[in-house]
Amino acid sequence: MTPLTFDQFKTQLESMLRDIPYGTSADLTGFAIAFWDGGKVVYAFLSADGCGVIEDEFELTDYEWQHWQDDLAAWINEPMFSVRPEINKRAWTAPAGSGGR
């Protein structure tokens, strides 16, 4: 089986996130999530204290991919999601020409 590439991961993740309700996150690892903000995938770290609060956003780059590739590929095979009310409190970014939510 051909290993999952970085671009394939991002494409598959975006497709999944666009198809689920707003406010739902992809629980990529025990410390990182991703969610759809209405225009793009947002990656974020969770608080280190284990409370599940979104702490900082980050860009998923080749560097992270190299370090987390096995975990992210495993997530694609068995995706896990959570509803996070704090995502609903964020400003929603409507794609250009969408006419709203």
N, C-alpha and C. Protein backbone atom coordinates (compact mmCIF):
# COMPACT_ATOMS: atom_id res chain seq x y z
N MET A 1 0.83 -1.18 0.00
CA MET A 1 0.00 0.00 0.00
C MET A 1 0.88 1.25 0.00
N THR A 2 0.54 2.20 -0.84
CA THR A 2 1.31 3.44 -0.95
C THR A 2 1.05 4.32 0.27
N PRO A 3 2.12 4.85 0.87
CA PRO A 3 1.92 5.71 2.05
C PRO A 3 1.13 6.97 1.69
N LEU A 4 0.37 7.45 2.64
CA LEU A 4 -0.39 8.68 2.50
C LEU A 4 0.57 9.86 2.38
N THR A 5 0.34 10.73 1.40
CA THR A 5 1.18 11.92 1.26
C THR A 5 0.58 13.08 2.06
N PHE A 6 1.37 14.09 2.27
CA PHE A 6 0.93 15.28 2.98
C PHE A 6 -0.26 15.92 2.27
N ASP A 7 -0.17 16.07 0.95
CA ASP A 7 -1.27 16.67 0.19
C ASP A 7 -2.53 15.82 0.24
N GLN A 8 -2.38 14.51 0.18
CA GLN A 8 -3.55 13.62 0.28
C GLN A 8 -4.22 13.77 1.64
N PHE A 9 -3.41 13.84 2.69
CA PHE A 9 -3.96 14.01 4.04
C PHE A 9 -4.76 15.30 4.12
N LYS A 10 -4.17 16.42 3.68
CA LYS A 10 -4.86 17.71 3.77
C LYS A 10 -6.15 17.71 2.96
N THR A 11 -6.13 17.11 1.78
CA THR A 11 -7.33 17.06 0.93
C THR A 11 -8.42 16.22 1.58
N GLN A 12 -8.06 15.05 2.10
CA GLN A 12 -9.05 14.18 2.74
C GLN A 12 -9.62 14.82 4.01
N LEU A 13 -8.75 15.43 4.80
CA LEU A 13 -9.21 16.08 6.03
C LEU A 13 -10.16 17.23 5.70
N GLU A 14 -9.81 18.06 4.75
CA GLU A 14 -10.69 19.17 4.36
C GLU A 14 -12.05 18.67 3.91
N SER A 15 -12.05 17.62 3.11
CA SER A 15 -13.31 17.06 2.62
C SER A 15 -14.19 16.58 3.77
N MET A 16 -13.58 15.90 4.73
CA MET A 16 -14.35 15.41 5.89
C MET A 16 -14.90 16.55 6.72
N LEU A 17 -14.06 17.55 6.99
CA LEU A 17 -14.48 18.65 7.84
C LEU A 17 -15.57 19.50 7.20
N ARG A 18 -15.54 19.63 5.89
CA ARG A 18 -16.57 20.41 5.21
C ARG A 18 -17.93 19.72 5.27
N ASP A 19 -17.94 18.41 5.44
CA ASP A 19 -19.18 17.62 5.41
C ASP A 19 -19.81 17.39 6.78
N ILE A 20 -19.18 17.87 7.85
CA ILE A 20 -19.73 17.67 9.19
C ILE A 20 -20.20 19.01 9.75
N PRO A 21 -21.03 18.99 10.79
CA PRO A 21 -21.55 20.25 11.33
C PRO A 21 -20.45 21.18 11.84
N TYR A 22 -20.68 22.47 11.64
CA TYR A 22 -19.78 23.49 12.16
C TYR A 22 -19.70 23.33 13.68
N GLY A 23 -18.50 23.48 14.22
CA GLY A 23 -18.31 23.31 15.65
C GLY A 23 -17.76 21.94 16.01
N THR A 24 -17.54 21.11 15.00
CA THR A 24 -16.99 19.77 15.21
C THR A 24 -15.52 19.79 14.84
N SER A 25 -14.70 19.19 15.68
CA SER A 25 -13.26 19.13 15.40
C SER A 25 -12.83 17.71 15.07
N ALA A 26 -11.79 17.64 14.27
CA ALA A 26 -11.11 16.38 14.02
C ALA A 26 -10.06 16.25 15.11
N ASP A 27 -10.16 15.20 15.92
CA ASP A 27 -9.21 14.99 17.02
C ASP A 27 -8.01 14.23 16.48
N LEU A 28 -7.06 14.98 15.93
CA LEU A 28 -5.94 14.39 15.20
C LEU A 28 -4.98 13.62 16.10
N THR A 29 -4.67 14.19 17.26
CA THR A 29 -3.79 13.55 18.24
C THR A 29 -4.34 13.91 19.62
N GLY A 30 -3.66 13.51 20.65
CA GLY A 30 -4.08 13.89 21.99
C GLY A 30 -3.84 15.36 22.30
N PHE A 31 -3.09 16.04 21.42
CA PHE A 31 -2.74 17.44 21.68
C PHE A 31 -3.07 18.38 20.53
N ALA A 32 -3.57 17.86 19.41
CA ALA A 32 -3.85 18.71 18.26
C ALA A 32 -5.17 18.33 17.60
N ILE A 33 -5.89 19.36 17.15
CA ILE A 33 -7.17 19.18 16.46
C ILE A 33 -7.15 19.99 15.17
N ALA A 34 -8.18 19.80 14.38
CA ALA A 34 -8.41 20.63 13.20
C ALA A 34 -9.91 20.84 13.08
N PHE A 35 -10.30 22.00 12.53
CA PHE A 35 -11.71 22.27 12.31
C PHE A 35 -11.87 23.17 11.10
N TRP A 36 -13.07 23.18 10.55
CA TRP A 36 -13.40 23.99 9.38
C TRP A 36 -13.98 25.32 9.88
N ASP A 37 -13.40 26.45 9.42
CA ASP A 37 -13.92 27.74 9.87
C ASP A 37 -14.85 28.39 8.86
N GLY A 38 -15.25 27.63 7.85
CA GLY A 38 -16.12 28.15 6.82
C GLY A 38 -15.38 28.51 5.55
N GLY A 39 -14.05 28.63 5.65
CA GLY A 39 -13.25 28.97 4.49
C GLY A 39 -11.98 28.15 4.36
N LYS A 40 -11.53 27.59 5.48
CA LYS A 40 -10.28 26.81 5.46
C LYS A 40 -10.22 25.91 6.69
N VAL A 41 -9.28 24.97 6.64
CA VAL A 41 -9.01 24.12 7.80
C VAL A 41 -8.11 24.90 8.75
N VAL A 42 -8.49 24.91 10.02
CA VAL A 42 -7.69 25.55 11.07
C VAL A 42 -7.14 24.43 11.94
N TYR A 43 -5.83 24.47 12.17
CA TYR A 43 -5.17 23.50 13.04
C TYR A 43 -4.90 24.20 14.37
N ALA A 44 -5.07 23.47 15.48
CA ALA A 44 -4.88 24.08 16.79
C ALA A 44 -4.36 23.06 17.79
N PHE A 45 -3.57 23.57 18.73
CA PHE A 45 -3.11 22.77 19.85
C PHE A 45 -4.13 22.87 20.97
N LEU A 46 -4.27 21.80 21.71
CA LEU A 46 -5.12 21.79 22.90
C LEU A 46 -4.27 22.14 24.12
N SER A 47 -4.91 22.67 25.13
CA SER A 47 -4.24 23.02 26.37
C SER A 47 -3.53 21.81 26.95
N ALA A 48 -2.33 22.03 27.46
CA ALA A 48 -1.52 20.94 28.02
C ALA A 48 -2.09 20.40 29.33
N ASP A 49 -3.03 21.11 29.95
CA ASP A 49 -3.56 20.65 31.23
C ASP A 49 -4.64 19.57 31.08
N GLY A 50 -4.93 19.19 29.83
CA GLY A 50 -5.87 18.10 29.59
C GLY A 50 -7.34 18.49 29.62
N CYS A 51 -7.64 19.79 29.71
CA CYS A 51 -9.04 20.21 29.79
C CYS A 51 -9.71 20.27 28.42
N GLY A 52 -8.93 20.15 27.35
CA GLY A 52 -9.51 20.12 26.01
C GLY A 52 -9.76 21.48 25.38
N VAL A 53 -9.34 22.55 26.06
CA VAL A 53 -9.54 23.90 25.54
C VAL A 53 -8.53 24.18 24.42
N ILE A 54 -8.98 24.85 23.38
CA ILE A 54 -8.09 25.22 22.28
C ILE A 54 -7.14 26.29 22.79
N GLU A 55 -5.84 26.04 22.62
CA GLU A 55 -4.84 26.95 23.14
C GLU A 55 -4.27 27.86 22.05
N ASP A 56 -3.65 27.28 21.04
CA ASP A 56 -2.99 28.06 19.99
C ASP A 56 -3.25 27.43 18.64
N GLU A 57 -3.44 28.28 17.64
CA GLU A 57 -3.55 27.79 16.26
C GLU A 57 -2.14 27.66 15.69
N PHE A 58 -2.00 26.79 14.70
CA PHE A 58 -0.71 26.62 14.04
C PHE A 58 -0.93 26.24 12.59
N GLU A 59 0.10 26.40 11.80
CA GLU A 59 0.09 25.96 10.40
C GLU A 59 0.66 24.54 10.36
N LEU A 60 -0.02 23.66 9.69
CA LEU A 60 0.51 22.31 9.50
C LEU A 60 1.46 22.37 8.32
N THR A 61 2.73 22.19 8.59
CA THR A 61 3.76 22.28 7.56
C THR A 61 4.42 20.92 7.35
N ASP A 62 5.35 20.88 6.43
CA ASP A 62 6.10 19.65 6.19
C ASP A 62 6.81 19.18 7.46
N TYR A 63 7.25 20.12 8.29
CA TYR A 63 7.95 19.77 9.53
C TYR A 63 7.05 18.92 10.43
N GLU A 64 5.83 19.42 10.69
CA GLU A 64 4.89 18.66 11.52
C GLU A 64 4.53 17.34 10.86
N TRP A 65 4.32 17.39 9.55
CA TRP A 65 3.97 16.16 8.82
C TRP A 65 5.04 15.10 9.03
N GLN A 66 6.31 15.47 8.93
CA GLN A 66 7.40 14.50 9.11
C GLN A 66 7.37 13.89 10.51
N HIS A 67 7.03 14.69 11.51
CA HIS A 67 7.03 14.20 12.89
C HIS A 67 5.75 13.45 13.27
N TRP A 68 4.63 13.81 12.65
CA TRP A 68 3.34 13.24 13.04
C TRP A 68 2.72 12.36 11.96
N GLN A 69 3.45 12.07 10.91
CA GLN A 69 2.88 11.36 9.76
C GLN A 69 2.18 10.06 10.16
N ASP A 70 2.79 9.26 10.98
CA ASP A 70 2.17 7.99 11.37
C ASP A 70 0.85 8.22 12.12
N ASP A 71 0.84 9.18 13.04
CA ASP A 71 -0.38 9.48 13.79
C ASP A 71 -1.47 10.03 12.88
N LEU A 72 -1.12 10.92 11.97
CA LEU A 72 -2.11 11.53 11.08
C LEU A 72 -2.64 10.52 10.07
N ALA A 73 -1.77 9.65 9.58
CA ALA A 73 -2.23 8.60 8.66
C ALA A 73 -3.16 7.63 9.39
N ALA A 74 -2.85 7.31 10.64
CA ALA A 74 -3.72 6.44 11.43
C ALA A 74 -5.07 7.13 11.66
N TRP A 75 -5.06 8.44 11.87
CA TRP A 75 -6.31 9.17 12.07
C TRP A 75 -7.19 9.09 10.82
N ILE A 76 -6.60 9.22 9.64
CA ILE A 76 -7.37 9.13 8.39
C ILE A 76 -8.06 7.77 8.30
N ASN A 77 -7.38 6.72 8.74
CA ASN A 77 -7.96 5.37 8.69
C ASN A 77 -9.06 5.17 9.74
N GLU A 78 -8.95 5.85 10.87
CA GLU A 78 -9.95 5.75 11.94
C GLU A 78 -10.20 7.14 12.52
N PRO A 79 -10.92 7.98 11.77
CA PRO A 79 -11.12 9.36 12.23
C PRO A 79 -11.97 9.45 13.49
N MET A 80 -11.59 10.40 14.35
CA MET A 80 -12.34 10.68 15.57
C MET A 80 -12.67 12.17 15.58
N PHE A 81 -13.90 12.48 15.98
CA PHE A 81 -14.37 13.86 15.99
C PHE A 81 -14.96 14.19 17.35
N SER A 82 -14.98 15.48 17.68
CA SER A 82 -15.62 15.97 18.90
C SER A 82 -16.38 17.25 18.58
N VAL A 83 -17.49 17.44 19.26
CA VAL A 83 -18.21 18.71 19.16
C VAL A 83 -17.58 19.64 20.20
N ARG A 84 -17.19 20.81 19.76
CA ARG A 84 -16.53 21.78 20.64
C ARG A 84 -17.29 23.10 20.59
N PRO A 85 -18.06 23.39 21.63
CA PRO A 85 -18.85 24.63 21.65
C PRO A 85 -18.01 25.88 21.43
N GLU A 86 -16.75 25.86 21.88
CA GLU A 86 -15.93 27.07 21.72
C GLU A 86 -15.67 27.39 20.25
N ILE A 87 -15.73 26.39 19.36
CA ILE A 87 -15.58 26.67 17.93
C ILE A 87 -16.78 27.48 17.45
N ASN A 88 -17.96 27.17 17.95
CA ASN A 88 -19.15 27.92 17.56
C ASN A 88 -19.09 29.37 17.98
N LYS A 89 -18.31 29.70 19.00
CA LYS A 89 -18.19 31.07 19.47
C LYS A 89 -17.25 31.90 18.60
N ARG A 90 -16.49 31.24 17.75
CA ARG A 90 -15.55 31.93 16.88
C ARG A 90 -16.28 32.55 15.70
N ALA A 91 -15.70 33.57 15.14
CA ALA A 91 -16.29 34.19 13.94
C ALA A 91 -16.23 33.19 12.80
N TRP A 92 -17.34 33.04 12.11
CA TRP A 92 -17.44 32.11 10.99
C TRP A 92 -17.00 32.83 9.73
N THR A 93 -16.13 32.23 8.94
CA THR A 93 -15.63 32.83 7.71
C THR A 93 -16.37 32.22 6.54
N ALA A 94 -17.23 32.99 5.92
CA ALA A 94 -17.98 32.50 4.76
C ALA A 94 -17.09 32.57 3.53
N PRO A 95 -17.06 31.51 2.72
CA PRO A 95 -16.31 31.57 1.48
C PRO A 95 -16.86 32.66 0.58
N ALA A 96 -16.00 33.27 -0.21
CA ALA A 96 -16.40 34.34 -1.13
C ALA A 96 -17.52 33.85 -2.04
N GLY A 97 -18.55 34.64 -2.18
CA GLY A 97 -19.65 34.31 -3.08
C GLY A 97 -20.59 33.27 -2.54
N SER A 98 -20.48 32.93 -1.26
CA SER A 98 -21.33 31.87 -0.72
C SER A 98 -22.71 32.37 -0.32
N GLY A 99 -22.85 33.68 -0.15
CA GLY A 99 -24.14 34.21 0.26
C GLY A 99 -24.46 33.94 1.71
N GLY A 100 -23.47 33.61 2.50
CA GLY A 100 -23.70 33.38 3.93
C GLY A 100 -23.63 31.92 4.30
N ARG A 101 -23.98 31.65 5.50
CA ARG A 101 -23.87 30.31 6.08
C ARG A 101 -24.97 29.50 5.58
